[in-house]
N, C-alpha and C. Protein backbone atom coordinates (compact mmCIF):
# COMPACT_ATOMS: atom_id res chain seq x y z
N PRO A 1 60.87 -77.42 -76.50
CA PRO A 1 59.93 -77.40 -77.61
C PRO A 1 58.93 -76.22 -77.52
N TYR A 2 58.77 -75.63 -76.32
CA TYR A 2 57.80 -74.56 -76.15
C TYR A 2 58.44 -73.18 -76.11
N GLY A 3 59.72 -73.08 -76.47
CA GLY A 3 60.38 -71.80 -76.57
C GLY A 3 61.15 -71.37 -75.33
N GLY A 4 61.02 -72.07 -74.23
CA GLY A 4 61.73 -71.70 -73.01
C GLY A 4 63.13 -72.28 -72.99
N HIS A 5 64.04 -71.61 -72.32
CA HIS A 5 65.40 -72.12 -72.19
C HIS A 5 66.08 -71.46 -70.99
N TRP A 6 67.12 -72.09 -70.49
CA TRP A 6 67.91 -71.58 -69.38
C TRP A 6 69.14 -70.88 -69.92
N THR A 7 69.52 -69.79 -69.28
CA THR A 7 70.75 -69.09 -69.64
C THR A 7 71.54 -68.80 -68.38
N LEU A 8 72.84 -68.68 -68.51
CA LEU A 8 73.71 -68.36 -67.39
C LEU A 8 73.92 -66.85 -67.32
N GLU A 9 73.62 -66.27 -66.16
CA GLU A 9 73.83 -64.84 -65.94
C GLU A 9 74.98 -64.69 -64.95
N PRO A 10 76.18 -64.33 -65.40
CA PRO A 10 77.35 -64.29 -64.53
C PRO A 10 77.21 -63.36 -63.33
N THR A 11 76.53 -62.24 -63.46
CA THR A 11 76.37 -61.30 -62.34
C THR A 11 74.91 -61.21 -61.93
N PHE A 12 74.28 -62.36 -61.76
CA PHE A 12 72.85 -62.40 -61.49
C PHE A 12 72.48 -61.70 -60.19
N LEU A 13 73.25 -61.90 -59.13
CA LEU A 13 72.92 -61.31 -57.83
C LEU A 13 73.66 -60.02 -57.52
N GLY A 14 74.55 -59.59 -58.38
CA GLY A 14 75.26 -58.34 -58.14
C GLY A 14 76.57 -58.27 -58.88
N GLU A 15 77.18 -57.10 -58.81
CA GLU A 15 78.41 -56.83 -59.56
C GLU A 15 79.68 -57.19 -58.79
N TYR A 16 79.59 -57.36 -57.49
CA TYR A 16 80.77 -57.59 -56.65
C TYR A 16 80.96 -59.06 -56.35
N PRO A 17 82.21 -59.51 -56.12
CA PRO A 17 82.43 -60.93 -55.80
C PRO A 17 81.68 -61.38 -54.55
N GLN A 18 81.46 -60.46 -53.60
CA GLN A 18 80.74 -60.82 -52.38
C GLN A 18 79.27 -61.15 -52.65
N ASP A 19 78.76 -60.70 -53.80
CA ASP A 19 77.35 -60.95 -54.11
C ASP A 19 77.09 -62.38 -54.53
N ASP A 20 78.10 -63.09 -54.98
CA ASP A 20 77.95 -64.49 -55.37
C ASP A 20 77.74 -65.31 -54.11
N ARG A 21 76.64 -65.98 -54.00
CA ARG A 21 76.34 -66.70 -52.76
C ARG A 21 75.78 -68.09 -53.04
N THR A 22 75.87 -68.91 -52.03
CA THR A 22 75.34 -70.26 -52.09
C THR A 22 74.50 -70.49 -50.84
N MET A 23 73.66 -71.50 -50.84
CA MET A 23 72.81 -71.87 -49.70
C MET A 23 71.92 -70.71 -49.26
N HIS A 24 71.32 -70.01 -50.19
CA HIS A 24 70.44 -68.89 -49.86
C HIS A 24 68.98 -69.29 -50.08
N TYR A 25 68.09 -68.43 -49.65
CA TYR A 25 66.66 -68.63 -49.86
C TYR A 25 66.18 -67.58 -50.85
N ALA A 26 65.32 -67.98 -51.76
CA ALA A 26 64.71 -67.06 -52.71
C ALA A 26 63.20 -67.11 -52.49
N LEU A 27 62.62 -65.96 -52.20
CA LEU A 27 61.19 -65.86 -51.94
C LEU A 27 60.54 -65.09 -53.09
N LEU A 28 59.54 -65.67 -53.70
CA LEU A 28 58.78 -64.99 -54.74
C LEU A 28 57.67 -64.21 -54.06
N LEU A 29 57.69 -62.88 -54.19
CA LEU A 29 56.72 -62.01 -53.54
C LEU A 29 55.49 -61.82 -54.43
N PRO A 30 54.34 -61.44 -53.84
CA PRO A 30 53.14 -61.21 -54.64
C PRO A 30 53.30 -60.11 -55.69
N THR A 31 54.31 -59.27 -55.54
CA THR A 31 54.57 -58.18 -56.50
C THR A 31 55.41 -58.64 -57.68
N SER A 32 55.69 -59.93 -57.79
CA SER A 32 56.55 -60.55 -58.81
C SER A 32 58.02 -60.25 -58.59
N GLN A 33 58.36 -59.67 -57.45
CA GLN A 33 59.75 -59.46 -57.09
C GLN A 33 60.29 -60.72 -56.43
N VAL A 34 61.61 -60.87 -56.46
CA VAL A 34 62.26 -62.01 -55.81
C VAL A 34 63.16 -61.46 -54.71
N LEU A 35 62.99 -61.96 -53.49
CA LEU A 35 63.81 -61.54 -52.36
C LEU A 35 64.79 -62.66 -52.04
N ILE A 36 66.10 -62.36 -52.13
CA ILE A 36 67.15 -63.33 -51.83
C ILE A 36 67.69 -63.01 -50.45
N VAL A 37 67.63 -63.97 -49.52
CA VAL A 37 68.10 -63.75 -48.16
C VAL A 37 69.08 -64.84 -47.74
N ASN A 38 69.93 -64.46 -46.78
CA ASN A 38 70.90 -65.36 -46.16
C ASN A 38 71.90 -65.92 -47.17
N GLY A 39 72.54 -66.98 -46.82
CA GLY A 39 73.51 -67.62 -47.68
C GLY A 39 74.93 -67.34 -47.24
N GLY A 40 75.86 -67.93 -47.96
CA GLY A 40 77.28 -67.74 -47.68
C GLY A 40 78.04 -67.61 -48.98
N ASN A 41 79.23 -67.05 -48.88
CA ASN A 41 80.06 -66.84 -50.06
C ASN A 41 81.27 -67.75 -49.96
N TYR A 42 81.01 -69.04 -49.97
CA TYR A 42 82.07 -70.05 -49.90
C TYR A 42 82.99 -69.73 -48.72
N ASP A 43 84.27 -69.87 -48.86
CA ASP A 43 85.20 -69.54 -47.78
C ASP A 43 85.87 -68.20 -48.00
N PHE A 44 85.53 -67.51 -49.08
CA PHE A 44 86.22 -66.27 -49.40
C PHE A 44 85.80 -65.11 -48.51
N TYR A 45 84.49 -64.92 -48.36
CA TYR A 45 84.00 -63.74 -47.65
C TYR A 45 83.14 -64.09 -46.45
N GLY A 46 82.84 -65.34 -46.21
CA GLY A 46 82.03 -65.73 -45.07
C GLY A 46 80.54 -65.57 -45.35
N SER A 47 79.77 -65.42 -44.27
CA SER A 47 78.32 -65.33 -44.42
C SER A 47 77.91 -63.99 -45.02
N ILE A 48 76.78 -63.99 -45.67
CA ILE A 48 76.24 -62.78 -46.29
C ILE A 48 75.00 -62.38 -45.52
N ARG A 49 74.99 -61.14 -45.05
CA ARG A 49 73.90 -60.69 -44.18
C ARG A 49 72.91 -59.76 -44.86
N TYR A 50 73.23 -59.22 -46.03
CA TYR A 50 72.31 -58.28 -46.67
C TYR A 50 71.45 -59.01 -47.70
N PRO A 51 70.15 -58.74 -47.69
CA PRO A 51 69.27 -59.31 -48.71
C PRO A 51 69.41 -58.57 -50.04
N VAL A 52 69.01 -59.22 -51.10
CA VAL A 52 68.98 -58.61 -52.43
C VAL A 52 67.55 -58.71 -52.95
N LEU A 53 67.01 -57.58 -53.41
CA LEU A 53 65.67 -57.56 -53.98
C LEU A 53 65.79 -57.46 -55.49
N LEU A 54 65.22 -58.42 -56.20
CA LEU A 54 65.24 -58.44 -57.66
C LEU A 54 63.87 -58.05 -58.18
N THR A 55 63.82 -56.97 -58.97
CA THR A 55 62.57 -56.50 -59.55
C THR A 55 62.62 -56.75 -61.05
N PRO A 56 61.69 -57.55 -61.57
CA PRO A 56 61.72 -57.84 -63.02
C PRO A 56 61.40 -56.60 -63.84
N GLN A 57 62.09 -56.47 -64.97
CA GLN A 57 61.88 -55.36 -65.91
C GLN A 57 61.37 -55.93 -67.22
N PHE A 58 60.31 -55.34 -67.73
CA PHE A 58 59.70 -55.80 -68.97
C PHE A 58 59.60 -54.66 -69.97
N ASP A 59 59.67 -54.98 -71.24
CA ASP A 59 59.37 -54.04 -72.30
C ASP A 59 57.88 -54.18 -72.58
N GLN A 60 57.09 -53.19 -72.18
CA GLN A 60 55.63 -53.28 -72.28
C GLN A 60 55.17 -53.32 -73.74
N ILE A 61 55.91 -52.70 -74.62
CA ILE A 61 55.49 -52.66 -76.03
C ILE A 61 55.73 -54.00 -76.71
N LYS A 62 56.94 -54.55 -76.54
CA LYS A 62 57.28 -55.82 -77.18
C LYS A 62 56.83 -57.02 -76.36
N GLY A 63 56.58 -56.80 -75.05
CA GLY A 63 56.18 -57.90 -74.19
C GLY A 63 57.31 -58.86 -73.87
N THR A 64 58.55 -58.33 -73.81
CA THR A 64 59.71 -59.18 -73.53
C THR A 64 60.31 -58.86 -72.17
N PHE A 65 60.92 -59.86 -71.61
CA PHE A 65 61.60 -59.72 -70.32
C PHE A 65 62.99 -59.15 -70.55
N LEU A 66 63.34 -58.10 -69.81
CA LEU A 66 64.62 -57.42 -69.99
C LEU A 66 65.67 -57.79 -68.95
N GLY A 67 65.25 -58.38 -67.86
CA GLY A 67 66.18 -58.72 -66.78
C GLY A 67 65.66 -58.21 -65.45
N TYR A 68 66.53 -58.17 -64.46
CA TYR A 68 66.15 -57.75 -63.12
C TYR A 68 66.89 -56.49 -62.71
N ASN A 69 66.21 -55.61 -61.99
CA ASN A 69 66.83 -54.49 -61.32
C ASN A 69 67.22 -55.00 -59.93
N LYS A 70 68.51 -54.95 -59.59
CA LYS A 70 69.01 -55.52 -58.33
C LYS A 70 69.21 -54.42 -57.30
N THR A 71 68.66 -54.62 -56.11
CA THR A 71 68.77 -53.65 -55.03
C THR A 71 69.31 -54.33 -53.79
N ARG A 72 70.46 -53.87 -53.29
CA ARG A 72 70.96 -54.36 -52.01
C ARG A 72 70.18 -53.71 -50.89
N MET A 73 69.74 -54.49 -49.93
CA MET A 73 68.97 -53.97 -48.82
C MET A 73 69.81 -54.00 -47.54
N ASN A 74 69.38 -53.25 -46.54
CA ASN A 74 70.08 -53.24 -45.25
C ASN A 74 69.92 -54.58 -44.57
N GLU A 75 70.88 -54.88 -43.69
CA GLU A 75 70.83 -56.13 -42.93
C GLU A 75 69.58 -56.19 -42.10
């Protein structure tokens, strides 16, 4: 009723099949970035050791959310 809704983002954590993970931790940083650490990729690829940093992108003029800039970080 307040305009919010959930949507499915098929490549939310990355473009590669290895980026799809389960049992991970998501930390909301003071910079409004989200740090995704640990987790596993089912039985296909095993454990995932690289974190993913999600930086929100906004349209400053329209005031709308555009999505996240995804950055793979070193182990």
